[in-house]
Amino acid sequence: MIEIRWHGRGGQGAKTAALLLADAAFSTGMYVQGFPEYGPERMGAPITAYNRLDSLPIRVHSNIYDPDIVVVVDESLVGPVDVTAGLKSSGAVIVNTDQTPACVRKLFAGYGGALYAIDARDISLRSMGRNLPNTPLLAAVVKVSGIMEEQDFLDNMKESFAHKFSSKPEVIEGNMNAIREAWRGAILI
């Protein structure tokens, strides 16, 4: 089983990305869970979302306390929120940042596992014209986790976006461009 915890702020798409990841993994025959955890927070307040992905039925129904992968949608949460809490030593962090690798490593001082950086904000601005980091981060998660091959993921997301944005073909192409670029842009630092 692969367990993923997303840290973001309300309105950044962490919940949507977790649900899209669940849909994509489900299409490959995996058993999935994708769910958020938040209370009465407003846009901009910290939220957490989760995924469980497995080839066997998933019988546990709780938050994820020992994730394999942590996704940090908003790097300003590093520090105020212990984003690496419970992260398995064999796990990975994927952080949305435009900082240098040295600066990112300083943010995660004390964490010795795999650390991936991607400038999801820049990718989304160039591909979609808006700051929607969830789409590029979704691609980074699929790449790092290895749950799908790139072409299978691209095909799945094109179909998903075509259904969701049938009246807006320009949105489909922008999202697909973001996914393709993010697949190449997630770097191990």
N, C-alpha and C. Protein backbone atom coordinates (compact mmCIF):
# COMPACT_ATOMS: atom_id res chain seq x y z
N MET A 1 0.85 -1.18 0.00
CA MET A 1 0.00 0.00 0.00
C MET A 1 0.89 1.24 0.00
N ILE A 2 0.49 2.22 -0.79
CA ILE A 2 1.17 3.51 -0.81
C ILE A 2 0.25 4.51 -0.13
N GLU A 3 0.79 5.21 0.87
CA GLU A 3 0.01 6.23 1.57
C GLU A 3 0.64 7.60 1.33
N ILE A 4 -0.21 8.55 0.98
CA ILE A 4 0.26 9.89 0.60
C ILE A 4 -0.50 10.92 1.43
N ARG A 5 0.25 11.89 1.94
CA ARG A 5 -0.37 13.00 2.68
C ARG A 5 -0.04 14.30 1.96
N TRP A 6 -1.07 15.10 1.69
CA TRP A 6 -0.93 16.39 1.02
C TRP A 6 -1.09 17.50 2.04
N HIS A 7 -0.20 18.48 2.02
CA HIS A 7 -0.31 19.67 2.86
C HIS A 7 -0.45 20.89 1.96
N GLY A 8 -1.53 21.61 2.12
CA GLY A 8 -1.75 22.81 1.32
C GLY A 8 -2.60 23.80 2.08
N ARG A 9 -3.07 24.77 1.36
CA ARG A 9 -3.98 25.76 1.92
C ARG A 9 -5.28 25.67 1.14
N GLY A 10 -6.37 25.99 1.81
CA GLY A 10 -7.67 25.97 1.17
C GLY A 10 -7.66 26.80 -0.11
N GLY A 11 -8.11 26.22 -1.20
CA GLY A 11 -8.16 26.91 -2.47
C GLY A 11 -6.99 26.60 -3.39
N GLN A 12 -5.98 25.85 -2.91
CA GLN A 12 -4.83 25.53 -3.75
C GLN A 12 -4.99 24.22 -4.52
N GLY A 13 -6.03 23.46 -4.20
CA GLY A 13 -6.31 22.25 -4.95
C GLY A 13 -5.75 20.96 -4.40
N ALA A 14 -5.29 20.94 -3.14
CA ALA A 14 -4.77 19.70 -2.57
C ALA A 14 -5.85 18.63 -2.53
N LYS A 15 -7.05 19.01 -2.11
CA LYS A 15 -8.16 18.05 -2.06
C LYS A 15 -8.48 17.54 -3.46
N THR A 16 -8.55 18.43 -4.43
CA THR A 16 -8.86 18.04 -5.81
C THR A 16 -7.78 17.11 -6.35
N ALA A 17 -6.51 17.43 -6.09
CA ALA A 17 -5.41 16.58 -6.57
C ALA A 17 -5.49 15.19 -5.96
N ALA A 18 -5.81 15.10 -4.67
CA ALA A 18 -5.94 13.79 -4.03
C ALA A 18 -7.07 12.98 -4.67
N LEU A 19 -8.16 13.64 -4.99
CA LEU A 19 -9.28 12.94 -5.62
C LEU A 19 -8.94 12.54 -7.06
N LEU A 20 -8.24 13.40 -7.80
CA LEU A 20 -7.81 13.05 -9.16
C LEU A 20 -6.83 11.89 -9.14
N LEU A 21 -5.93 11.87 -8.16
CA LEU A 21 -4.99 10.76 -8.04
C LEU A 21 -5.74 9.46 -7.78
N ALA A 22 -6.73 9.52 -6.91
CA ALA A 22 -7.54 8.32 -6.63
C ALA A 22 -8.23 7.84 -7.90
N ASP A 23 -8.80 8.75 -8.67
CA ASP A 23 -9.47 8.38 -9.92
C ASP A 23 -8.49 7.74 -10.90
N ALA A 24 -7.31 8.34 -11.04
CA ALA A 24 -6.31 7.81 -11.98
C ALA A 24 -5.86 6.42 -11.57
N ALA A 25 -5.58 6.23 -10.28
CA ALA A 25 -5.14 4.92 -9.80
C ALA A 25 -6.26 3.89 -9.93
N PHE A 26 -7.48 4.29 -9.66
CA PHE A 26 -8.63 3.39 -9.77
C PHE A 26 -8.78 2.88 -11.21
N SER A 27 -8.50 3.75 -12.17
CA SER A 27 -8.63 3.35 -13.58
C SER A 27 -7.65 2.25 -13.97
N THR A 28 -6.59 2.07 -13.17
CA THR A 28 -5.61 1.01 -13.45
C THR A 28 -5.97 -0.28 -12.72
N GLY A 29 -7.08 -0.27 -11.99
CA GLY A 29 -7.50 -1.45 -11.25
C GLY A 29 -7.08 -1.46 -9.80
N MET A 30 -6.46 -0.39 -9.33
CA MET A 30 -6.05 -0.32 -7.93
C MET A 30 -7.24 -0.03 -7.04
N TYR A 31 -7.11 -0.41 -5.80
CA TYR A 31 -8.06 0.00 -4.76
C TYR A 31 -7.56 1.34 -4.24
N VAL A 32 -8.47 2.26 -3.99
CA VAL A 32 -8.04 3.62 -3.67
C VAL A 32 -8.88 4.25 -2.58
N GLN A 33 -8.28 5.24 -1.94
CA GLN A 33 -8.97 6.17 -1.07
C GLN A 33 -8.39 7.55 -1.35
N GLY A 34 -9.23 8.54 -1.36
CA GLY A 34 -8.79 9.92 -1.50
C GLY A 34 -9.75 10.78 -0.71
N PHE A 35 -9.22 11.49 0.29
CA PHE A 35 -10.13 12.24 1.16
C PHE A 35 -9.39 13.40 1.83
N PRO A 36 -10.11 14.47 2.12
CA PRO A 36 -9.51 15.62 2.81
C PRO A 36 -9.78 15.57 4.31
N GLU A 37 -9.03 16.40 5.03
CA GLU A 37 -9.30 16.62 6.45
C GLU A 37 -9.27 18.13 6.67
N TYR A 38 -10.38 18.67 6.99
CA TYR A 38 -10.44 20.09 7.31
C TYR A 38 -11.72 20.35 8.08
N GLY A 39 -11.73 21.43 8.78
CA GLY A 39 -12.90 21.82 9.55
C GLY A 39 -13.54 23.04 8.91
N PRO A 40 -13.88 24.01 9.69
CA PRO A 40 -14.55 25.20 9.16
C PRO A 40 -13.57 26.24 8.61
N GLU A 41 -12.35 25.79 8.22
CA GLU A 41 -11.35 26.73 7.74
C GLU A 41 -11.82 27.47 6.50
N ARG A 42 -11.21 28.59 6.28
CA ARG A 42 -11.51 29.40 5.10
C ARG A 42 -10.41 29.23 4.07
N MET A 43 -10.66 29.82 2.90
CA MET A 43 -9.65 29.81 1.87
C MET A 43 -8.35 30.37 2.44
N GLY A 44 -7.26 29.66 2.19
CA GLY A 44 -5.95 30.08 2.69
C GLY A 44 -5.53 29.40 3.98
N ALA A 45 -6.47 28.76 4.67
CA ALA A 45 -6.13 28.05 5.91
C ALA A 45 -5.50 26.70 5.57
N PRO A 46 -4.58 26.21 6.43
CA PRO A 46 -3.96 24.90 6.16
C PRO A 46 -5.00 23.78 6.11
N ILE A 47 -4.81 22.91 5.13
CA ILE A 47 -5.65 21.70 5.02
C ILE A 47 -4.74 20.51 4.74
N THR A 48 -5.27 19.35 4.98
CA THR A 48 -4.55 18.12 4.70
C THR A 48 -5.48 17.21 3.90
N ALA A 49 -4.92 16.53 2.91
CA ALA A 49 -5.66 15.55 2.13
C ALA A 49 -4.83 14.27 2.09
N TYR A 50 -5.49 13.16 1.79
CA TYR A 50 -4.83 11.87 1.88
C TYR A 50 -5.19 10.97 0.70
N ASN A 51 -4.26 10.05 0.42
CA ASN A 51 -4.51 8.97 -0.54
C ASN A 51 -3.97 7.66 0.01
N ARG A 52 -4.70 6.61 -0.24
CA ARG A 52 -4.21 5.25 -0.06
C ARG A 52 -4.42 4.55 -1.39
N LEU A 53 -3.40 3.85 -1.85
CA LEU A 53 -3.45 3.14 -3.13
C LEU A 53 -2.87 1.76 -2.91
N ASP A 54 -3.59 0.74 -3.38
CA ASP A 54 -3.12 -0.62 -3.16
C ASP A 54 -3.69 -1.54 -4.23
N SER A 55 -3.00 -2.65 -4.45
CA SER A 55 -3.52 -3.67 -5.38
C SER A 55 -4.50 -4.60 -4.67
N LEU A 56 -4.57 -4.50 -3.35
CA LEU A 56 -5.49 -5.31 -2.55
C LEU A 56 -6.54 -4.40 -1.92
N PRO A 57 -7.68 -4.96 -1.53
CA PRO A 57 -8.70 -4.13 -0.88
C PRO A 57 -8.13 -3.41 0.35
N ILE A 58 -8.54 -2.18 0.54
CA ILE A 58 -8.07 -1.37 1.66
C ILE A 58 -9.10 -1.44 2.77
N ARG A 59 -8.69 -1.94 3.92
CA ARG A 59 -9.62 -2.15 5.02
C ARG A 59 -9.50 -1.08 6.12
N VAL A 60 -8.47 -0.25 6.05
CA VAL A 60 -8.28 0.78 7.06
C VAL A 60 -8.98 2.06 6.61
N HIS A 61 -9.63 2.73 7.55
CA HIS A 61 -10.35 3.97 7.26
C HIS A 61 -10.02 4.99 8.35
N SER A 62 -8.88 5.64 8.18
CA SER A 62 -8.44 6.65 9.15
C SER A 62 -7.53 7.62 8.42
N ASN A 63 -7.13 8.67 9.12
CA ASN A 63 -6.12 9.55 8.56
C ASN A 63 -4.83 8.76 8.37
N ILE A 64 -3.88 9.35 7.69
CA ILE A 64 -2.61 8.69 7.45
C ILE A 64 -1.56 9.33 8.36
N TYR A 65 -0.98 8.50 9.20
CA TYR A 65 -0.02 9.00 10.18
C TYR A 65 1.43 8.68 9.82
N ASP A 66 1.64 7.66 8.98
CA ASP A 66 2.98 7.25 8.58
C ASP A 66 3.04 7.15 7.05
N PRO A 67 3.00 8.29 6.37
CA PRO A 67 2.92 8.26 4.90
C PRO A 67 4.21 7.80 4.24
N ASP A 68 4.07 7.33 3.01
CA ASP A 68 5.21 7.00 2.16
C ASP A 68 5.68 8.26 1.42
N ILE A 69 4.72 9.12 1.09
CA ILE A 69 5.01 10.34 0.35
C ILE A 69 4.25 11.50 1.00
N VAL A 70 4.94 12.63 1.13
CA VAL A 70 4.32 13.86 1.59
C VAL A 70 4.44 14.88 0.47
N VAL A 71 3.33 15.53 0.15
CA VAL A 71 3.32 16.57 -0.87
C VAL A 71 3.06 17.91 -0.18
N VAL A 72 3.95 18.87 -0.40
CA VAL A 72 3.81 20.19 0.19
C VAL A 72 3.43 21.16 -0.93
N VAL A 73 2.14 21.51 -0.97
CA VAL A 73 1.62 22.38 -2.01
C VAL A 73 2.07 23.82 -1.78
N ASP A 74 2.20 24.21 -0.51
CA ASP A 74 2.59 25.58 -0.16
C ASP A 74 3.76 25.51 0.81
N GLU A 75 4.96 25.89 0.33
CA GLU A 75 6.16 25.76 1.16
C GLU A 75 6.12 26.61 2.42
N SER A 76 5.22 27.61 2.50
CA SER A 76 5.13 28.42 3.72
C SER A 76 4.59 27.59 4.89
N LEU A 77 4.09 26.41 4.62
CA LEU A 77 3.61 25.52 5.69
C LEU A 77 4.76 24.80 6.39
N VAL A 78 5.92 24.72 5.73
CA VAL A 78 7.08 24.04 6.32
C VAL A 78 7.53 24.89 7.50
N GLY A 79 7.52 24.31 8.65
CA GLY A 79 7.85 25.04 9.89
C GLY A 79 6.62 25.15 10.76
N PRO A 80 5.62 25.96 10.36
CA PRO A 80 4.40 26.04 11.17
C PRO A 80 3.68 24.69 11.27
N VAL A 81 3.83 23.86 10.24
CA VAL A 81 3.24 22.52 10.24
C VAL A 81 4.39 21.53 10.11
N ASP A 82 4.39 20.50 10.93
CA ASP A 82 5.43 19.47 10.85
C ASP A 82 5.07 18.52 9.71
N VAL A 83 5.40 18.94 8.48
CA VAL A 83 4.96 18.19 7.30
C VAL A 83 5.62 16.82 7.20
N THR A 84 6.76 16.62 7.82
CA THR A 84 7.42 15.31 7.74
C THR A 84 7.07 14.39 8.91
N ALA A 85 6.15 14.80 9.76
CA ALA A 85 5.76 13.97 10.91
C ALA A 85 5.32 12.59 10.44
N GLY A 86 5.95 11.57 11.00
CA GLY A 86 5.57 10.19 10.69
C GLY A 86 6.03 9.68 9.35
N LEU A 87 6.65 10.51 8.54
CA LEU A 87 7.09 10.09 7.20
C LEU A 87 8.07 8.93 7.32
N LYS A 88 7.81 7.86 6.59
CA LYS A 88 8.68 6.70 6.63
C LYS A 88 10.08 7.07 6.16
N SER A 89 11.09 6.44 6.75
CA SER A 89 12.47 6.75 6.38
C SER A 89 12.74 6.44 4.92
N SER A 90 11.99 5.53 4.34
CA SER A 90 12.14 5.20 2.92
C SER A 90 11.24 6.08 2.04
N GLY A 91 10.58 7.04 2.65
CA GLY A 91 9.61 7.87 1.94
C GLY A 91 10.24 9.01 1.17
N ALA A 92 9.36 9.90 0.70
CA ALA A 92 9.80 11.04 -0.10
C ALA A 92 8.91 12.25 0.18
N VAL A 93 9.50 13.42 0.06
CA VAL A 93 8.78 14.68 0.13
C VAL A 93 8.84 15.32 -1.26
N ILE A 94 7.70 15.82 -1.71
CA ILE A 94 7.63 16.59 -2.95
C ILE A 94 7.17 17.97 -2.54
N VAL A 95 7.99 18.99 -2.83
CA VAL A 95 7.65 20.34 -2.40
C VAL A 95 7.56 21.28 -3.59
N ASN A 96 6.52 22.08 -3.59
CA ASN A 96 6.31 23.12 -4.58
C ASN A 96 7.14 24.33 -4.16
N THR A 97 8.19 24.63 -4.92
CA THR A 97 9.08 25.72 -4.54
C THR A 97 9.83 26.26 -5.75
N ASP A 98 10.22 27.52 -5.65
CA ASP A 98 11.09 28.10 -6.67
C ASP A 98 12.48 28.36 -6.08
N GLN A 99 12.73 27.85 -4.89
CA GLN A 99 14.02 28.07 -4.23
C GLN A 99 15.08 27.12 -4.77
N THR A 100 16.33 27.47 -4.52
CA THR A 100 17.45 26.62 -4.95
C THR A 100 17.45 25.33 -4.13
N PRO A 101 18.07 24.28 -4.66
CA PRO A 101 18.16 23.03 -3.89
C PRO A 101 18.76 23.22 -2.50
N ALA A 102 19.78 24.07 -2.37
CA ALA A 102 20.40 24.31 -1.06
C ALA A 102 19.40 24.93 -0.09
N CYS A 103 18.61 25.88 -0.56
CA CYS A 103 17.61 26.52 0.29
C CYS A 103 16.52 25.53 0.70
N VAL A 104 16.12 24.68 -0.23
CA VAL A 104 15.08 23.68 0.07
C VAL A 104 15.60 22.70 1.11
N ARG A 105 16.85 22.28 0.96
CA ARG A 105 17.44 21.36 1.95
C ARG A 105 17.46 22.00 3.33
N LYS A 106 17.74 23.31 3.40
CA LYS A 106 17.72 24.01 4.69
C LYS A 106 16.33 24.00 5.30
N LEU A 107 15.31 24.17 4.46
CA LEU A 107 13.92 24.12 4.95
C LEU A 107 13.62 22.79 5.62
N PHE A 108 14.24 21.74 5.07
CA PHE A 108 13.98 20.39 5.57
C PHE A 108 15.18 19.84 6.33
N ALA A 109 15.91 20.73 7.02
CA ALA A 109 17.04 20.30 7.84
C ALA A 109 16.55 19.27 8.85
N GLY A 110 17.27 18.19 8.96
CA GLY A 110 16.85 17.13 9.88
C GLY A 110 16.11 16.01 9.16
N TYR A 111 15.65 16.28 7.96
CA TYR A 111 15.00 15.22 7.17
C TYR A 111 16.04 14.67 6.21
N GLY A 112 16.31 13.38 6.28
CA GLY A 112 17.36 12.78 5.47
C GLY A 112 16.89 11.96 4.31
N GLY A 113 15.58 11.90 4.07
CA GLY A 113 15.06 11.08 2.99
C GLY A 113 15.06 11.79 1.65
N ALA A 114 14.42 11.16 0.70
CA ALA A 114 14.33 11.70 -0.66
C ALA A 114 13.52 12.99 -0.66
N LEU A 115 14.04 13.99 -1.34
CA LEU A 115 13.40 15.30 -1.39
C LEU A 115 13.34 15.74 -2.85
N TYR A 116 12.14 15.96 -3.33
CA TYR A 116 11.92 16.39 -4.71
C TYR A 116 11.39 17.81 -4.70
N ALA A 117 11.89 18.61 -5.62
CA ALA A 117 11.42 19.99 -5.76
C ALA A 117 10.84 20.18 -7.15
N ILE A 118 9.78 20.96 -7.20
CA ILE A 118 9.17 21.32 -8.48
C ILE A 118 8.55 22.70 -8.33
N ASP A 119 8.73 23.53 -9.32
CA ASP A 119 8.13 24.86 -9.30
C ASP A 119 6.76 24.76 -9.97
N ALA A 120 5.82 24.21 -9.23
CA ALA A 120 4.47 23.98 -9.76
C ALA A 120 3.75 25.29 -10.06
N ARG A 121 4.07 26.32 -9.30
CA ARG A 121 3.45 27.63 -9.55
C ARG A 121 3.85 28.14 -10.93
N ASP A 122 5.14 28.13 -11.22
CA ASP A 122 5.63 28.61 -12.50
C ASP A 122 5.08 27.77 -13.66
N ILE A 123 5.09 26.46 -13.49
CA ILE A 123 4.56 25.57 -14.54
C ILE A 123 3.10 25.88 -14.81
N SER A 124 2.32 26.03 -13.76
CA SER A 124 0.88 26.28 -13.96
C SER A 124 0.63 27.66 -14.56
N LEU A 125 1.41 28.66 -14.16
CA LEU A 125 1.23 30.00 -14.74
C LEU A 125 1.53 29.99 -16.23
N ARG A 126 2.61 29.30 -16.62
CA ARG A 126 2.97 29.26 -18.03
C ARG A 126 2.03 28.38 -18.85
N SER A 127 1.57 27.28 -18.28
CA SER A 127 0.73 26.34 -19.02
C SER A 127 -0.74 26.70 -19.02
N MET A 128 -1.22 27.26 -17.89
CA MET A 128 -2.65 27.49 -17.74
C MET A 128 -3.01 28.96 -17.51
N GLY A 129 -1.99 29.79 -17.29
CA GLY A 129 -2.26 31.20 -17.07
C GLY A 129 -2.77 31.54 -15.69
N ARG A 130 -2.76 30.55 -14.80
CA ARG A 130 -3.22 30.74 -13.41
C ARG A 130 -2.36 29.93 -12.48
N ASN A 131 -2.30 30.36 -11.22
CA ASN A 131 -1.54 29.63 -10.21
C ASN A 131 -2.40 28.50 -9.67
N LEU A 132 -2.29 27.34 -10.32
CA LEU A 132 -3.01 26.13 -9.91
C LEU A 132 -1.98 25.02 -9.75
N PRO A 133 -1.28 24.98 -8.62
CA PRO A 133 -0.16 24.04 -8.47
C PRO A 133 -0.57 22.58 -8.37
N ASN A 134 -1.85 22.31 -8.14
CA ASN A 134 -2.25 20.92 -7.92
C ASN A 134 -2.02 20.03 -9.14
N THR A 135 -2.25 20.54 -10.35
CA THR A 135 -2.07 19.71 -11.55
C THR A 135 -0.61 19.30 -11.73
N PRO A 136 0.35 20.24 -11.69
CA PRO A 136 1.75 19.80 -11.79
C PRO A 136 2.17 18.88 -10.64
N LEU A 137 1.69 19.16 -9.43
CA LEU A 137 2.07 18.31 -8.30
C LEU A 137 1.49 16.91 -8.44
N LEU A 138 0.31 16.79 -9.01
CA LEU A 138 -0.28 15.48 -9.27
C LEU A 138 0.64 14.66 -10.16
N ALA A 139 1.15 15.27 -11.23
CA ALA A 139 2.08 14.57 -12.12
C ALA A 139 3.35 14.15 -11.37
N ALA A 140 3.86 15.04 -10.53
CA ALA A 140 5.06 14.71 -9.76
C ALA A 140 4.83 13.52 -8.84
N VAL A 141 3.66 13.48 -8.20
CA VAL A 141 3.34 12.36 -7.30
C VAL A 141 3.28 11.05 -8.07
N VAL A 142 2.63 11.06 -9.21
CA VAL A 142 2.53 9.82 -10.00
C VAL A 142 3.92 9.36 -10.44
N LYS A 143 4.75 10.30 -10.86
CA LYS A 143 6.11 9.95 -11.27
C LYS A 143 6.91 9.38 -10.10
N VAL A 144 6.92 10.08 -8.98
CA VAL A 144 7.74 9.66 -7.83
C VAL A 144 7.23 8.33 -7.25
N SER A 145 5.92 8.16 -7.19
CA SER A 145 5.36 6.93 -6.61
C SER A 145 5.48 5.74 -7.54
N GLY A 146 5.55 6.00 -8.85
CA GLY A 146 5.66 4.91 -9.81
C GLY A 146 4.38 4.12 -10.00
N ILE A 147 3.23 4.68 -9.64
CA ILE A 147 1.98 3.91 -9.73
C ILE A 147 1.49 3.73 -11.16
N MET A 148 1.94 4.58 -12.07
CA MET A 148 1.54 4.47 -13.47
C MET A 148 2.71 4.89 -14.36
N GLU A 149 2.71 4.33 -15.55
CA GLU A 149 3.66 4.79 -16.56
C GLU A 149 3.21 6.15 -17.08
N GLU A 150 4.15 6.93 -17.58
CA GLU A 150 3.84 8.28 -18.03
C GLU A 150 2.72 8.31 -19.07
N GLN A 151 2.81 7.48 -20.10
CA GLN A 151 1.81 7.54 -21.17
C GLN A 151 0.43 7.12 -20.66
N ASP A 152 0.38 6.13 -19.79
CA ASP A 152 -0.91 5.72 -19.20
C ASP A 152 -1.52 6.86 -18.41
N PHE A 153 -0.67 7.56 -17.65
CA PHE A 153 -1.15 8.70 -16.86
C PHE A 153 -1.64 9.82 -17.77
N LEU A 154 -0.87 10.13 -18.80
CA LEU A 154 -1.28 11.18 -19.73
C LEU A 154 -2.62 10.84 -20.39
N ASP A 155 -2.77 9.60 -20.83
CA ASP A 155 -4.03 9.18 -21.46
C ASP A 155 -5.19 9.29 -20.48
N ASN A 156 -4.95 8.85 -19.25
CA ASN A 156 -5.99 8.89 -18.23
C ASN A 156 -6.41 10.32 -17.93
N MET A 157 -5.44 11.21 -17.77
CA MET A 157 -5.76 12.59 -17.43
C MET A 157 -6.42 13.32 -18.59
N LYS A 158 -6.01 13.01 -19.82
CA LYS A 158 -6.65 13.66 -20.98
C LYS A 158 -8.13 13.29 -21.02
N GLU A 159 -8.42 12.03 -20.76
CA GLU A 159 -9.82 11.58 -20.73
C GLU A 159 -10.58 12.25 -19.59
N SER A 160 -9.95 12.32 -18.42
CA SER A 160 -10.59 12.95 -17.26
C SER A 160 -10.86 14.43 -17.52
N PHE A 161 -9.87 15.15 -18.05
CA PHE A 161 -10.04 16.57 -18.33
C PHE A 161 -11.06 16.80 -19.45
N ALA A 162 -11.07 15.91 -20.45
CA ALA A 162 -12.04 16.05 -21.55
C ALA A 162 -13.46 15.95 -21.03
N HIS A 163 -13.66 15.08 -20.05
CA HIS A 163 -14.99 14.94 -19.45
C HIS A 163 -15.32 16.16 -18.59
N LYS A 164 -14.36 16.58 -17.78
CA LYS A 164 -14.60 17.67 -16.83
C LYS A 164 -14.72 19.03 -17.53
N PHE A 165 -13.91 19.24 -18.58
CA PHE A 165 -13.86 20.54 -19.24
C PHE A 165 -14.29 20.45 -20.71
N SER A 166 -15.33 19.69 -20.99
CA SER A 166 -15.74 19.45 -22.38
C SER A 166 -16.05 20.74 -23.13
N SER A 167 -16.51 21.76 -22.45
CA SER A 167 -16.85 23.01 -23.14
C SER A 167 -15.68 24.00 -23.18
N LYS A 168 -14.52 23.60 -22.63
CA LYS A 168 -13.36 24.49 -22.58
C LYS A 168 -12.11 23.75 -23.04
N PRO A 169 -11.96 23.51 -24.34
CA PRO A 169 -10.79 22.74 -24.81
C PRO A 169 -9.46 23.39 -24.47
N GLU A 170 -9.41 24.71 -24.35
CA GLU A 170 -8.15 25.39 -24.01
C GLU A 170 -7.70 25.02 -22.59
N VAL A 171 -8.64 24.73 -21.72
CA VAL A 171 -8.31 24.32 -20.35
C VAL A 171 -7.69 22.92 -20.37
N ILE A 172 -8.22 22.07 -21.22
CA ILE A 172 -7.69 20.70 -21.34
C ILE A 172 -6.22 20.75 -21.76
N GLU A 173 -5.94 21.49 -22.82
CA GLU A 173 -4.56 21.54 -23.33
C GLU A 173 -3.62 22.17 -22.32
N GLY A 174 -4.05 23.21 -21.62
CA GLY A 174 -3.22 23.83 -20.60
C GLY A 174 -2.87 22.87 -19.49
N ASN A 175 -3.86 22.11 -19.01
CA ASN A 175 -3.62 21.11 -17.97
C ASN A 175 -2.68 20.01 -18.46
N MET A 176 -2.88 19.57 -19.69
CA MET A 176 -2.02 18.52 -20.24
C MET A 176 -0.58 19.02 -20.39
N ASN A 177 -0.41 20.26 -20.82
CA ASN A 177 0.94 20.82 -20.91
C ASN A 177 1.59 20.88 -19.54
N ALA A 178 0.81 21.27 -18.52
CA ALA A 178 1.34 21.32 -17.15
C ALA A 178 1.78 19.95 -16.68
N ILE A 179 0.99 18.94 -16.98
CA ILE A 179 1.33 17.58 -16.57
C ILE A 179 2.61 17.09 -17.26
N ARG A 180 2.70 17.31 -18.55
CA ARG A 180 3.90 16.87 -19.29
C ARG A 180 5.17 17.57 -18.75
N GLU A 181 5.07 18.87 -18.54
CA GLU A 181 6.23 19.61 -18.04
C GLU A 181 6.59 19.19 -16.62
N ALA A 182 5.59 18.98 -15.78
CA ALA A 182 5.84 18.60 -14.39
C ALA A 182 6.48 17.22 -14.30
N TRP A 183 6.11 16.32 -15.20
CA TRP A 183 6.70 14.98 -15.19
C TRP A 183 8.21 15.09 -15.35
N ARG A 184 8.64 16.01 -16.21
CA ARG A 184 10.08 16.21 -16.43
C ARG A 184 10.69 17.12 -15.36
N GLY A 185 9.87 17.97 -14.73
CA GLY A 185 10.38 19.01 -13.85
C GLY A 185 10.57 18.62 -12.40
N ALA A 186 10.03 17.50 -11.98
CA ALA A 186 10.19 17.07 -10.58
C ALA A 186 11.61 16.51 -10.43
N ILE A 187 12.46 17.22 -9.67
CA ILE A 187 13.87 16.80 -9.57
C ILE A 187 14.21 16.38 -8.14
N LEU A 188 14.98 15.33 -8.05
CA LEU A 188 15.49 14.86 -6.77
C LEU A 188 16.66 15.76 -6.38
N ILE A 189 16.58 16.34 -5.17
CA ILE A 189 17.67 17.23 -4.75
C ILE A 189 18.39 16.68 -3.54
